[in-house]
Amino acid sequence: MIAVVDSGGANISSIIFALQRIGAKVVFTHDAAIITEAERVILPGVGTAQIAMNRLQQLNLIDCICSLKQPVLGICLGMQILFEHSMEGNVDLLGIFPGNLMRFDEAKSTVVPHIGWNTVRFNTDHKLFYNVPQDSHFYFVHSYYALKNENTLGLCDYGDQFSAILEKDNFIGCQFHPERSGEIGEQLLKNFIRMEI
């Protein structure tokens, strides 16, 4: 069973439908006991870091999430809150991935937010990328980003090069939306469901 954490945001139904299409049993919950016992956990989110962190604090889920041992996938804002700090609202985050989130610079000829399809270049042969070709296109919607660090598995370029997918221990973060990325995104979700840590 996959627990999709009720952390706020607007992409909940698309994630649940995408998981159901590939045969996953899904529960949408903010119950710490259910989240802790789930085989996999997904942190969704579209919105602001401050609102997401406030919601997790109100639901008493911060310690629960940080102590999870099963595979956890953070998507978009759900990935961003795994970092230490965000310039968006000057807010402290969960601190699982090292580093801070910065805003894209319009002076580098980019439109902010970064919305639409873009390629991801993997820098490792990871089981998460089984049957996912190099430079595949994924769908992005975000204004803040993380630089490459020791946990980066794949990079994207949008004026600045940024971390598109990361892994640390049992935590994985995708800046893009696999649930909105067609067959390639569906394959990545299948790989996440099947992978062992």
C-alpha atoms as a PDB file:
ATOM      1  CA  MET A   1       0.000   0.000   0.000  1.00  0.00           C
ATOM      2  CA  ILE A   2       1.175   3.521  -0.862  1.00  0.00           C
ATOM      3  CA  ALA A   3       0.374   6.376   1.495  1.00  0.00           C
ATOM      4  CA  VAL A   4      -0.054   9.729  -0.257  1.00  0.00           C
ATOM      5  CA  VAL A   5       0.430  12.292   2.495  1.00  0.00           C
ATOM      6  CA  ASP A   6      -2.299  14.891   2.925  1.00  0.00           C
ATOM      7  CA  SER A   7       0.178  17.768   2.933  1.00  0.00           C
ATOM      8  CA  GLY A   8      -1.886  20.205   0.902  1.00  0.00           C
ATOM      9  CA  GLY A   9      -1.522  21.159  -2.749  1.00  0.00           C
ATOM     10  CA  ALA A  10      -3.390  20.792  -5.978  1.00  0.00           C
ATOM     11  CA  ASN A  11      -1.897  17.689  -7.586  1.00  0.00           C
ATOM     12  CA  ILE A  12      -3.403  15.084  -5.259  1.00  0.00           C
ATOM     13  CA  SER A  13      -6.008  13.587  -7.581  1.00  0.00           C
ATOM     14  CA  SER A  14      -3.608  13.328 -10.533  1.00  0.00           C
ATOM     15  CA  ILE A  15      -1.082  11.446  -8.374  1.00  0.00           C
ATOM     16  CA  ILE A  16      -3.710   9.073  -6.994  1.00  0.00           C
ATOM     17  CA  PHE A  17      -5.147   8.375 -10.470  1.00  0.00           C
ATOM     18  CA  ALA A  18      -1.663   7.796 -11.907  1.00  0.00           C
ATOM     19  CA  LEU A  19      -0.851   5.289  -9.166  1.00  0.00           C
ATOM     20  CA  GLN A  20      -4.177   3.522  -9.576  1.00  0.00           C
ATOM     21  CA  ARG A  21      -3.594   3.222 -13.336  1.00  0.00           C
ATOM     22  CA  ILE A  22      -0.444   1.195 -12.673  1.00  0.00           C
ATOM     23  CA  GLY A  23      -2.233  -1.060 -10.206  1.00  0.00           C
ATOM     24  CA  ALA A  24      -1.109   0.433  -6.909  1.00  0.00           C
ATOM     25  CA  LYS A  25      -3.274   0.385  -3.812  1.00  0.00           C
ATOM     26  CA  VAL A  26      -3.362   3.969  -2.547  1.00  0.00           C
ATOM     27  CA  VAL A  27      -4.579   5.722   0.585  1.00  0.00           C
ATOM     28  CA  PHE A  28      -4.671   9.521   0.983  1.00  0.00           C
ATOM     29  CA  THR A  29      -4.025  10.263   4.644  1.00  0.00           C
ATOM     30  CA  HIS A  30      -2.568  12.433   7.374  1.00  0.00           C
ATOM     31  CA  ASP A  31      -2.659   9.589   9.908  1.00  0.00           C
ATOM     32  CA  ALA A  32       0.910   9.092  11.194  1.00  0.00           C
ATOM     33  CA  ALA A  33       0.275   5.420  12.014  1.00  0.00           C
ATOM     34  CA  ILE A  34      -0.909   4.646   8.461  1.00  0.00           C
ATOM     35  CA  ILE A  35       1.984   6.588   6.945  1.00  0.00           C
ATOM     36  CA  THR A  36       4.516   4.771   9.130  1.00  0.00           C
ATOM     37  CA  GLU A  37       3.145   1.336   8.208  1.00  0.00           C
ATOM     38  CA  ALA A  38       2.806   1.964   4.460  1.00  0.00           C
ATOM     39  CA  GLU A  39       5.095   0.109   2.038  1.00  0.00           C
ATOM     40  CA  ARG A  40       5.796   3.360   0.170  1.00  0.00           C
ATOM     41  CA  VAL A  41       5.090   7.017   0.935  1.00  0.00           C
ATOM     42  CA  ILE A  42       4.552   9.910  -1.479  1.00  0.00           C
ATOM     43  CA  LEU A  43       4.831  13.560  -0.458  1.00  0.00           C
ATOM     44  CA  PRO A  44       2.894  15.575  -3.041  1.00  0.00           C
ATOM     45  CA  GLY A  45       2.483  19.318  -3.217  1.00  0.00           C
ATOM     46  CA  VAL A  46       1.812  22.304  -5.425  1.00  0.00           C
ATOM     47  CA  GLY A  47       1.922  25.610  -3.589  1.00  0.00           C
ATOM     48  CA  THR A  48       4.251  27.387  -1.185  1.00  0.00           C
ATOM     49  CA  ALA A  49       6.840  25.978   1.188  1.00  0.00           C
ATOM     50  CA  GLN A  50       5.482  27.986   4.125  1.00  0.00           C
ATOM     51  CA  ILE A  51       1.949  26.619   3.730  1.00  0.00           C
ATOM     52  CA  ALA A  52       3.218  23.061   3.331  1.00  0.00           C
ATOM     53  CA  MET A  53       5.409  23.248   6.427  1.00  0.00           C
ATOM     54  CA  ASN A  54       2.640  24.873   8.452  1.00  0.00           C
ATOM     55  CA  ARG A  55       0.289  22.059   7.489  1.00  0.00           C
ATOM     56  CA  LEU A  56       2.789  19.349   8.439  1.00  0.00           C
ATOM     57  CA  GLN A  57       3.343  21.073  11.789  1.00  0.00           C
ATOM     58  CA  GLN A  58      -0.388  21.352  12.440  1.00  0.00           C
ATOM     59  CA  LEU A  59      -0.817  17.645  11.647  1.00  0.00           C
ATOM     60  CA  ASN A  60       2.209  16.667  13.806  1.00  0.00           C
ATOM     61  CA  LEU A  61       3.773  14.893  10.836  1.00  0.00           C
ATOM     62  CA  ILE A  62       7.276  16.371  10.764  1.00  0.00           C
ATOM     63  CA  ASP A  63       8.889  13.800  13.080  1.00  0.00           C
ATOM     64  CA  CYS A  64       6.879  11.036  11.410  1.00  0.00           C
ATOM     65  CA  ILE A  65       8.141  11.899   7.923  1.00  0.00           C
ATOM     66  CA  CYS A  66      11.747  12.428   8.992  1.00  0.00           C
ATOM     67  CA  SER A  67      11.846   9.029  10.705  1.00  0.00           C
ATOM     68  CA  LEU A  68      10.412   6.978   7.806  1.00  0.00           C
ATOM     69  CA  LYS A  69      12.496   3.986   6.709  1.00  0.00           C
ATOM     70  CA  GLN A  70      10.529   2.819   3.655  1.00  0.00           C
ATOM     71  CA  PRO A  71      10.963   4.423   0.202  1.00  0.00           C
ATOM     72  CA  VAL A  72       9.619   7.985   0.197  1.00  0.00           C
ATOM     73  CA  LEU A  73       9.050  10.006  -2.977  1.00  0.00           C
ATOM     74  CA  GLY A  74       8.669  13.789  -2.781  1.00  0.00           C
ATOM     75  CA  ILE A  75       7.116  15.375  -5.878  1.00  0.00           C
ATOM     76  CA  CYS A  76       7.578  19.072  -6.787  1.00  0.00           C
ATOM     77  CA  LEU A  77       6.923  20.980  -3.542  1.00  0.00           C
ATOM     78  CA  GLY A  78       7.028  17.598  -1.800  1.00  0.00           C
ATOM     79  CA  MET A  79      10.640  17.328  -2.989  1.00  0.00           C
ATOM     80  CA  GLN A  80      11.483  20.896  -2.027  1.00  0.00           C
ATOM     81  CA  ILE A  81      10.378  20.530   1.594  1.00  0.00           C
ATOM     82  CA  LEU A  82      12.945  17.728   1.965  1.00  0.00           C
ATOM     83  CA  PHE A  83      15.687  20.396   1.821  1.00  0.00           C
ATOM     84  CA  GLU A  84      16.998  22.604   4.639  1.00  0.00           C
ATOM     85  CA  HIS A  85      15.702  26.057   3.770  1.00  0.00           C
ATOM     86  CA  SER A  86      13.754  27.932   1.088  1.00  0.00           C
ATOM     87  CA  MET A  87      14.027  31.542  -0.009  1.00  0.00           C
ATOM     88  CA  GLU A  88      10.280  31.289  -0.604  1.00  0.00           C
ATOM     89  CA  GLY A  89       8.975  32.794   2.608  1.00  0.00           C
ATOM     90  CA  ASN A  90      12.409  32.374   4.242  1.00  0.00           C
ATOM     91  CA  VAL A  91      11.242  29.108   5.797  1.00  0.00           C
ATOM     92  CA  ASP A  92      13.124  26.200   7.360  1.00  0.00           C
ATOM     93  CA  LEU A  93      12.243  22.815   5.882  1.00  0.00           C
ATOM     94  CA  LEU A  94      12.661  19.147   6.871  1.00  0.00           C
ATOM     95  CA  GLY A  95      16.441  19.071   6.418  1.00  0.00           C
ATOM     96  CA  ILE A  96      16.763  15.621   4.840  1.00  0.00           C
ATOM     97  CA  PHE A  97      18.614  16.843   1.743  1.00  0.00           C
ATOM     98  CA  PRO A  98      21.404  19.369   2.330  1.00  0.00           C
ATOM     99  CA  GLY A  99      21.055  22.748   0.681  1.00  0.00           C
ATOM    100  CA  ASN A 100      18.729  25.656   0.112  1.00  0.00           C
ATOM    101  CA  LEU A 101      16.121  26.481  -2.512  1.00  0.00           C
ATOM    102  CA  MET A 102      16.618  29.585  -4.659  1.00  0.00           C
ATOM    103  CA  ARG A 103      14.369  31.419  -7.076  1.00  0.00           C
ATOM    104  CA  PHE A 104      15.020  31.379 -10.808  1.00  0.00           C
ATOM    105  CA  ASP A 105      16.624  34.572 -12.091  1.00  0.00           C
ATOM    106  CA  GLU A 106      14.529  36.322 -14.761  1.00  0.00           C
ATOM    107  CA  ALA A 107      17.673  38.177 -15.849  1.00  0.00           C
ATOM    108  CA  LYS A 108      18.938  34.928 -17.389  1.00  0.00           C
ATOM    109  CA  SER A 109      16.222  35.108 -20.062  1.00  0.00           C
ATOM    110  CA  THR A 110      13.895  32.693 -18.336  1.00  0.00           C
ATOM    111  CA  VAL A 111      10.209  33.025 -17.642  1.00  0.00           C
ATOM    112  CA  VAL A 112       9.321  32.387 -14.007  1.00  0.00           C
ATOM    113  CA  PRO A 113       7.760  30.044 -13.098  1.00  0.00           C
ATOM    114  CA  HIS A 114       9.322  27.251 -15.135  1.00  0.00           C
ATOM    115  CA  ILE A 115       6.238  25.590 -16.627  1.00  0.00           C
ATOM    116  CA  GLY A 116       6.211  22.856 -19.241  1.00  0.00           C
ATOM    117  CA  TRP A 117       8.280  20.023 -20.637  1.00  0.00           C
ATOM    118  CA  ASN A 118      12.030  19.834 -20.216  1.00  0.00           C
ATOM    119  CA  THR A 119      14.694  17.171 -20.461  1.00  0.00           C
ATOM    120  CA  VAL A 120      16.417  15.465 -17.552  1.00  0.00           C
ATOM    121  CA  ARG A 121      19.955  14.140 -17.857  1.00  0.00           C
ATOM    122  CA  PHE A 122      20.728  11.328 -15.455  1.00  0.00           C
ATOM    123  CA  ASN A 123      24.235  11.226 -14.015  1.00  0.00           C
ATOM    124  CA  THR A 124      23.962   7.680 -12.716  1.00  0.00           C
ATOM    125  CA  ASP A 125      22.617   4.294 -13.748  1.00  0.00           C
ATOM    126  CA  HIS A 126      19.934   4.031 -11.079  1.00  0.00           C
ATOM    127  CA  LYS A 127      17.169   1.419 -10.758  1.00  0.00           C
ATOM    128  CA  LEU A 128      14.681   4.279 -10.731  1.00  0.00           C
ATOM    129  CA  PHE A 129      15.564   4.921 -14.387  1.00  0.00           C
ATOM    130  CA  TYR A 130      14.882   1.404 -15.697  1.00  0.00           C
ATOM    131  CA  ASN A 131      13.294   1.794 -19.171  1.00  0.00           C
ATOM    132  CA  VAL A 132      13.509   5.586 -18.849  1.00  0.00           C
ATOM    133  CA  PRO A 133      15.775   6.881 -21.664  1.00  0.00           C
ATOM    134  CA  GLN A 134      18.452   9.487 -21.100  1.00  0.00           C
ATOM    135  CA  ASP A 135      17.218  13.046 -21.793  1.00  0.00           C
ATOM    136  CA  SER A 136      13.579  12.060 -21.390  1.00  0.00           C
ATOM    137  CA  HIS A 137      11.060  14.892 -21.182  1.00  0.00           C
ATOM    138  CA  PHE A 138       9.225  15.499 -17.916  1.00  0.00           C
ATOM    139  CA  TYR A 139       6.651  18.108 -16.929  1.00  0.00           C
ATOM    140  CA  PHE A 140       7.742  20.904 -14.547  1.00  0.00           C
ATOM    141  CA  VAL A 141       5.899  23.651 -12.658  1.00  0.00           C
ATOM    142  CA  HIS A 142       8.092  25.588 -10.198  1.00  0.00           C
ATOM    143  CA  SER A 143       9.752  28.909  -9.403  1.00  0.00           C
ATOM    144  CA  TYR A 144      12.342  27.670  -6.883  1.00  0.00           C
ATOM    145  CA  TYR A 145      15.110  25.142  -7.394  1.00  0.00           C
ATOM    146  CA  ALA A 146      18.020  23.343  -5.767  1.00  0.00           C
ATOM    147  CA  LEU A 147      21.552  23.319  -7.113  1.00  0.00           C
ATOM    148  CA  LYS A 148      23.381  20.091  -7.866  1.00  0.00           C
ATOM    149  CA  ASN A 149      24.713  18.371  -4.754  1.00  0.00           C
ATOM    150  CA  GLU A 150      26.048  14.995  -3.673  1.00  0.00           C
ATOM    151  CA  ASN A 151      22.528  13.531  -3.708  1.00  0.00           C
ATOM    152  CA  THR A 152      21.649  14.598  -7.263  1.00  0.00           C
ATOM    153  CA  LEU A 153      20.706  11.774  -9.653  1.00  0.00           C
ATOM    154  CA  GLY A 154      19.603  13.912 -12.586  1.00  0.00           C
ATOM    155  CA  LEU A 155      19.863  17.496 -13.803  1.00  0.00           C
ATOM    156  CA  CYS A 156      17.743  19.902 -15.806  1.00  0.00           C
ATOM    157  CA  ASP A 157      18.719  23.218 -17.378  1.00  0.00           C
ATOM    158  CA  TYR A 158      16.493  26.296 -17.220  1.00  0.00           C
ATOM    159  CA  GLY A 159      18.791  29.301 -17.267  1.00  0.00           C
ATOM    160  CA  ASP A 160      20.478  27.700 -14.264  1.00  0.00           C
ATOM    161  CA  GLN A 161      21.225  24.001 -14.015  1.00  0.00           C
ATOM    162  CA  PHE A 162      19.291  22.477 -11.147  1.00  0.00           C
ATOM    163  CA  SER A 163      18.627  19.161  -9.437  1.00  0.00           C
ATOM    164  CA  ALA A 164      15.681  17.458 -11.117  1.00  0.00           C
ATOM    165  CA  ILE A 165      15.863  14.247  -9.093  1.00  0.00           C
ATOM    166  CA  LEU A 166      17.756  13.328  -5.929  1.00  0.00           C
ATOM    167  CA  GLU A 167      18.190  10.456  -3.508  1.00  0.00           C
ATOM    168  CA  LYS A 168      19.437  10.200   0.044  1.00  0.00           C
ATOM    169  CA  ASP A 169      19.000   6.921   1.889  1.00  0.00           C
ATOM    170  CA  ASN A 170      15.305   5.995   1.451  1.00  0.00           C
ATOM    171  CA  PHE A 171      14.229   9.496   0.321  1.00  0.00           C
ATOM    172  CA  ILE A 172      13.826  10.403  -3.358  1.00  0.00           C
ATOM    173  CA  GLY A 173      12.814  13.800  -4.653  1.00  0.00           C
ATOM    174  CA  CYS A 174      11.522  14.713  -8.124  1.00  0.00           C
ATOM    175  CA  GLN A 175      11.238  18.386  -9.026  1.00  0.00           C
ATOM    176  CA  PHE A 176       9.142  17.366 -12.035  1.00  0.00           C
ATOM    177  CA  HIS A 177       5.701  15.765 -11.976  1.00  0.00           C
ATOM    178  CA  PRO A 178       5.919  12.100 -13.019  1.00  0.00           C
ATOM    179  CA  GLU A 179       2.128  11.824 -12.739  1.00  0.00           C
ATOM    180  CA  ARG A 180       1.812  14.462 -15.497  1.00  0.00           C
ATOM    181  CA  SER A 181       4.676  13.192 -17.652  1.00  0.00           C
ATOM    182  CA  GLY A 182       2.942  10.585 -19.797  1.00  0.00           C
ATOM    183  CA  GLU A 183       4.348   7.098 -20.313  1.00  0.00           C
ATOM    184  CA  ILE A 184       7.839   8.060 -19.144  1.00  0.00           C
ATOM    185  CA  GLY A 185       6.514   9.418 -15.869  1.00  0.00           C
ATOM    186  CA  GLU A 186       4.359   6.329 -15.445  1.00  0.00           C
ATOM    187  CA  GLN A 187       7.430   4.122 -15.918  1.00  0.00           C
ATOM    188  CA  LEU A 188       9.302   6.062 -13.252  1.00  0.00           C
ATOM    189  CA  LEU A 189       6.413   5.592 -10.826  1.00  0.00           C
ATOM    190  CA  LYS A 190       6.388   1.856 -11.609  1.00  0.00           C
ATOM    191  CA  ASN A 191      10.108   1.733 -10.862  1.00  0.00           C
ATOM    192  CA  PHE A 192       9.588   3.526  -7.558  1.00  0.00           C
ATOM    193  CA  ILE A 193       6.898   1.028  -6.563  1.00  0.00           C
ATOM    194  CA  ARG A 194       9.117  -1.942  -7.394  1.00  0.00           C
ATOM    195  CA  MET A 195      12.478  -0.723  -6.125  1.00  0.00           C
ATOM    196  CA  GLU A 196      14.032  -1.838  -2.879  1.00  0.00           C
ATOM    197  CA  ILE A 197      16.283   0.338  -0.758  1.00  0.00           C
END
